Amino acid sequence: MCRWGLDRCRIPGLGTGPHRTARPRRRSGPAAGNSGALPTIIAGWADWTLTRGQARRTGLVHGLINETAFVLCAGSLLARQRGYRRLGRALSGGGLILASFGGVLGGQLVYRHGVGQERG
């Protein structure tokens, strides 16, 4: 957000406005995040197979929402690599919103249903 503001203010020496040449942006962060999501998805489905009742239903919705968020973020990465920046931003925003809802459901799974906690 800060960089966006600096790009728009057009002050010499700040941002990439008309006074500076735009540097190529790194794309390794989103790619690393997407690759790290695959083992998490697998582990989540493995945990889901051990749940019952309400926790199982909540876990199913949690998993589907988070996988949809993953697909949107992966689509965002591909769109940006192909030069469709607006589409990439829209997909990324949708993925962020869905991941937020998925995080709320994940919190319910852990704190309300005790999924993933050792009983001892």
C-alpha atoms as a PDB file:
ATOM      1  CA  MET A   1       0.000   0.000   0.000  1.00  0.00           C
ATOM      2  CA  CYS A   2       2.825   2.363   0.858  1.00  0.00           C
ATOM      3  CA  ARG A   3       4.548   1.686  -2.451  1.00  0.00           C
ATOM      4  CA  TRP A   4       1.282   2.356  -4.278  1.00  0.00           C
ATOM      5  CA  GLY A   5       1.056   5.728  -2.550  1.00  0.00           C
ATOM      6  CA  LEU A   6       4.644   6.582  -3.395  1.00  0.00           C
ATOM      7  CA  ASP A   7       4.065   5.628  -7.022  1.00  0.00           C
ATOM      8  CA  ARG A   8       1.141   8.019  -7.221  1.00  0.00           C
ATOM      9  CA  CYS A   9       2.744  11.017  -5.502  1.00  0.00           C
ATOM     10  CA  ARG A  10       5.265  11.596  -8.339  1.00  0.00           C
ATOM     11  CA  ILE A  11       7.948  13.097  -6.109  1.00  0.00           C
ATOM     12  CA  PRO A  12      11.445  12.831  -7.627  1.00  0.00           C
ATOM     13  CA  GLY A  13      13.403  10.055  -5.930  1.00  0.00           C
ATOM     14  CA  LEU A  14      10.343   8.356  -4.436  1.00  0.00           C
ATOM     15  CA  GLY A  15       8.338   5.581  -6.001  1.00  0.00           C
ATOM     16  CA  THR A  16       8.429   4.706  -9.671  1.00  0.00           C
ATOM     17  CA  GLY A  17       6.597   7.753 -11.024  1.00  0.00           C
ATOM     18  CA  PRO A  18       7.728   9.475 -14.221  1.00  0.00           C
ATOM     19  CA  HIS A  19      11.065  10.465 -12.651  1.00  0.00           C
ATOM     20  CA  ARG A  20      12.379   6.929 -12.109  1.00  0.00           C
ATOM     21  CA  THR A  21      12.603   3.865 -14.228  1.00  0.00           C
ATOM     22  CA  ALA A  22      10.413   1.070 -12.954  1.00  0.00           C
ATOM     23  CA  ARG A  23      12.376  -1.904 -11.704  1.00  0.00           C
ATOM     24  CA  PRO A  24      11.129  -5.393 -12.498  1.00  0.00           C
ATOM     25  CA  ARG A  25       9.186  -6.720  -9.523  1.00  0.00           C
ATOM     26  CA  ARG A  26      10.022 -10.004  -7.913  1.00  0.00           C
ATOM     27  CA  ARG A  27       7.447 -12.762  -8.227  1.00  0.00           C
ATOM     28  CA  SER A  28       9.090 -15.307  -5.933  1.00  0.00           C
ATOM     29  CA  GLY A  29       6.953 -14.495  -2.864  1.00  0.00           C
ATOM     30  CA  PRO A  30       3.574 -15.517  -4.277  1.00  0.00           C
ATOM     31  CA  ALA A  31       5.109 -18.562  -5.958  1.00  0.00           C
ATOM     32  CA  ALA A  32       6.636 -19.698  -2.661  1.00  0.00           C
ATOM     33  CA  GLY A  33       3.324 -19.170  -0.877  1.00  0.00           C
ATOM     34  CA  ASN A  34       1.435 -21.203  -3.450  1.00  0.00           C
ATOM     35  CA  SER A  35       3.942 -24.051  -3.358  1.00  0.00           C
ATOM     36  CA  GLY A  36       3.769 -24.107   0.442  1.00  0.00           C
ATOM     37  CA  ALA A  37      -0.006 -24.450   0.288  1.00  0.00           C
ATOM     38  CA  LEU A  38       0.063 -27.916  -1.307  1.00  0.00           C
ATOM     39  CA  PRO A  39       1.479 -29.809   1.718  1.00  0.00           C
ATOM     40  CA  THR A  40      -0.903 -27.862   3.950  1.00  0.00           C
ATOM     41  CA  ILE A  41      -3.882 -28.958   1.871  1.00  0.00           C
ATOM     42  CA  ILE A  42      -2.777 -32.590   2.079  1.00  0.00           C
ATOM     43  CA  ALA A  43      -2.277 -32.390   5.844  1.00  0.00           C
ATOM     44  CA  GLY A  44      -5.662 -30.705   6.263  1.00  0.00           C
ATOM     45  CA  TRP A  45      -7.490 -33.457   4.419  1.00  0.00           C
ATOM     46  CA  ALA A  46      -5.636 -36.043   6.519  1.00  0.00           C
ATOM     47  CA  ASP A  47      -6.845 -34.296   9.705  1.00  0.00           C
ATOM     48  CA  TRP A  48     -10.350 -34.061   8.271  1.00  0.00           C
ATOM     49  CA  THR A  49     -10.590 -37.852   7.891  1.00  0.00           C
ATOM     50  CA  LEU A  50     -10.274 -38.169  11.692  1.00  0.00           C
ATOM     51  CA  THR A  51     -13.127 -35.765  12.514  1.00  0.00           C
ATOM     52  CA  ARG A  52     -16.802 -36.530  13.208  1.00  0.00           C
ATOM     53  CA  GLY A  53     -20.084 -34.633  13.441  1.00  0.00           C
ATOM     54  CA  GLN A  54     -20.136 -30.842  13.376  1.00  0.00           C
ATOM     55  CA  ALA A  55     -16.328 -30.658  13.227  1.00  0.00           C
ATOM     56  CA  ARG A  56     -16.391 -32.767  10.057  1.00  0.00           C
ATOM     57  CA  ARG A  57     -18.910 -30.454   8.370  1.00  0.00           C
ATOM     58  CA  THR A  58     -17.030 -27.338   9.450  1.00  0.00           C
ATOM     59  CA  GLY A  59     -13.768 -28.908   8.261  1.00  0.00           C
ATOM     60  CA  LEU A  60     -15.257 -29.689   4.862  1.00  0.00           C
ATOM     61  CA  VAL A  61     -16.381 -26.084   4.343  1.00  0.00           C
ATOM     62  CA  HIS A  62     -13.026 -24.806   5.702  1.00  0.00           C
ATOM     63  CA  GLY A  63     -11.114 -26.989   3.261  1.00  0.00           C
ATOM     64  CA  LEU A  64     -13.226 -26.081   0.247  1.00  0.00           C
ATOM     65  CA  ILE A  65     -12.998 -22.361   0.984  1.00  0.00           C
ATOM     66  CA  ASN A  66      -9.226 -22.499   1.464  1.00  0.00           C
ATOM     67  CA  GLU A  67      -8.687 -24.585  -1.661  1.00  0.00           C
ATOM     68  CA  THR A  68     -10.748 -22.098  -3.662  1.00  0.00           C
ATOM     69  CA  ALA A  69      -8.588 -19.306  -2.218  1.00  0.00           C
ATOM     70  CA  PHE A  70      -5.499 -21.256  -3.293  1.00  0.00           C
ATOM     71  CA  VAL A  71      -6.833 -21.645  -6.841  1.00  0.00           C
ATOM     72  CA  LEU A  72      -7.595 -17.909  -7.021  1.00  0.00           C
ATOM     73  CA  CYS A  73      -4.102 -17.003  -5.778  1.00  0.00           C
ATOM     74  CA  ALA A  74      -2.474 -19.412  -8.226  1.00  0.00           C
ATOM     75  CA  GLY A  75      -4.589 -17.899 -11.001  1.00  0.00           C
ATOM     76  CA  SER A  76      -3.472 -14.458  -9.855  1.00  0.00           C
ATOM     77  CA  LEU A  77       0.159 -15.482 -10.163  1.00  0.00           C
ATOM     78  CA  LEU A  78      -0.387 -16.824 -13.678  1.00  0.00           C
ATOM     79  CA  ALA A  79      -2.366 -13.751 -14.743  1.00  0.00           C
ATOM     80  CA  ARG A  80       0.363 -11.407 -13.496  1.00  0.00           C
ATOM     81  CA  GLN A  81       3.075 -13.422 -15.238  1.00  0.00           C
ATOM     82  CA  ARG A  82       1.155 -13.077 -18.503  1.00  0.00           C
ATOM     83  CA  GLY A  83       0.757  -9.326 -18.066  1.00  0.00           C
ATOM     84  CA  TYR A  84      -2.866  -9.189 -16.869  1.00  0.00           C
ATOM     85  CA  ARG A  85      -2.208  -7.139 -13.745  1.00  0.00           C
ATOM     86  CA  ARG A  86      -5.791  -6.044 -13.082  1.00  0.00           C
ATOM     87  CA  LEU A  87      -7.082  -9.586 -13.355  1.00  0.00           C
ATOM     88  CA  GLY A  88      -4.235 -10.724 -11.118  1.00  0.00           C
ATOM     89  CA  ARG A  89      -5.148  -8.155  -8.484  1.00  0.00           C
ATOM     90  CA  ALA A  90      -8.825  -9.105  -8.616  1.00  0.00           C
ATOM     91  CA  LEU A  91      -8.053 -12.808  -8.247  1.00  0.00           C
ATOM     92  CA  SER A  92      -5.626 -12.088  -5.429  1.00  0.00           C
ATOM     93  CA  GLY A  93      -8.208  -9.953  -3.622  1.00  0.00           C
ATOM     94  CA  GLY A  94     -10.822 -12.683  -3.922  1.00  0.00           C
ATOM     95  CA  GLY A  95      -8.332 -15.227  -2.619  1.00  0.00           C
ATOM     96  CA  LEU A  96      -7.506 -12.999   0.350  1.00  0.00           C
ATOM     97  CA  ILE A  97     -11.171 -12.582   1.268  1.00  0.00           C
ATOM     98  CA  LEU A  98     -11.821 -16.319   1.040  1.00  0.00           C
ATOM     99  CA  ALA A  99      -8.671 -17.149   3.005  1.00  0.00           C
ATOM    100  CA  SER A 100      -9.890 -14.823   5.764  1.00  0.00           C
ATOM    101  CA  PHE A 101     -13.203 -16.680   6.009  1.00  0.00           C
ATOM    102  CA  GLY A 102     -11.334 -19.982   5.917  1.00  0.00           C
ATOM    103  CA  GLY A 103      -9.140 -18.782   8.770  1.00  0.00           C
ATOM    104  CA  VAL A 104     -12.197 -18.042  10.906  1.00  0.00           C
ATOM    105  CA  LEU A 105     -13.485 -21.555  10.303  1.00  0.00           C
ATOM    106  CA  GLY A 106     -10.025 -22.959  11.049  1.00  0.00           C
ATOM    107  CA  GLY A 107     -10.091 -21.153  14.387  1.00  0.00           C
ATOM    108  CA  GLN A 108     -13.440 -22.750  15.169  1.00  0.00           C
ATOM    109  CA  LEU A 109     -12.043 -26.167  14.325  1.00  0.00           C
ATOM    110  CA  VAL A 110      -9.156 -25.736  16.737  1.00  0.00           C
ATOM    111  CA  TYR A 111     -10.714 -23.795  19.601  1.00  0.00           C
ATOM    112  CA  ARG A 112     -14.313 -25.043  19.557  1.00  0.00           C
ATOM    113  CA  HIS A 113     -13.898 -28.612  18.308  1.00  0.00           C
ATOM    114  CA  GLY A 114     -10.325 -29.333  19.425  1.00  0.00           C
ATOM    115  CA  VAL A 115      -9.185 -30.587  16.019  1.00  0.00           C
ATOM    116  CA  GLY A 116      -5.416 -31.110  15.848  1.00  0.00           C
ATOM    117  CA  GLN A 117      -4.931 -30.983  19.615  1.00  0.00           C
ATOM    118  CA  GLU A 118      -3.353 -33.759  21.658  1.00  0.00           C
ATOM    119  CA  ARG A 119      -5.513 -35.164  24.388  1.00  0.00           C
ATOM    120  CA  GLY A 120      -3.458 -36.168  27.376  1.00  0.00           C
END
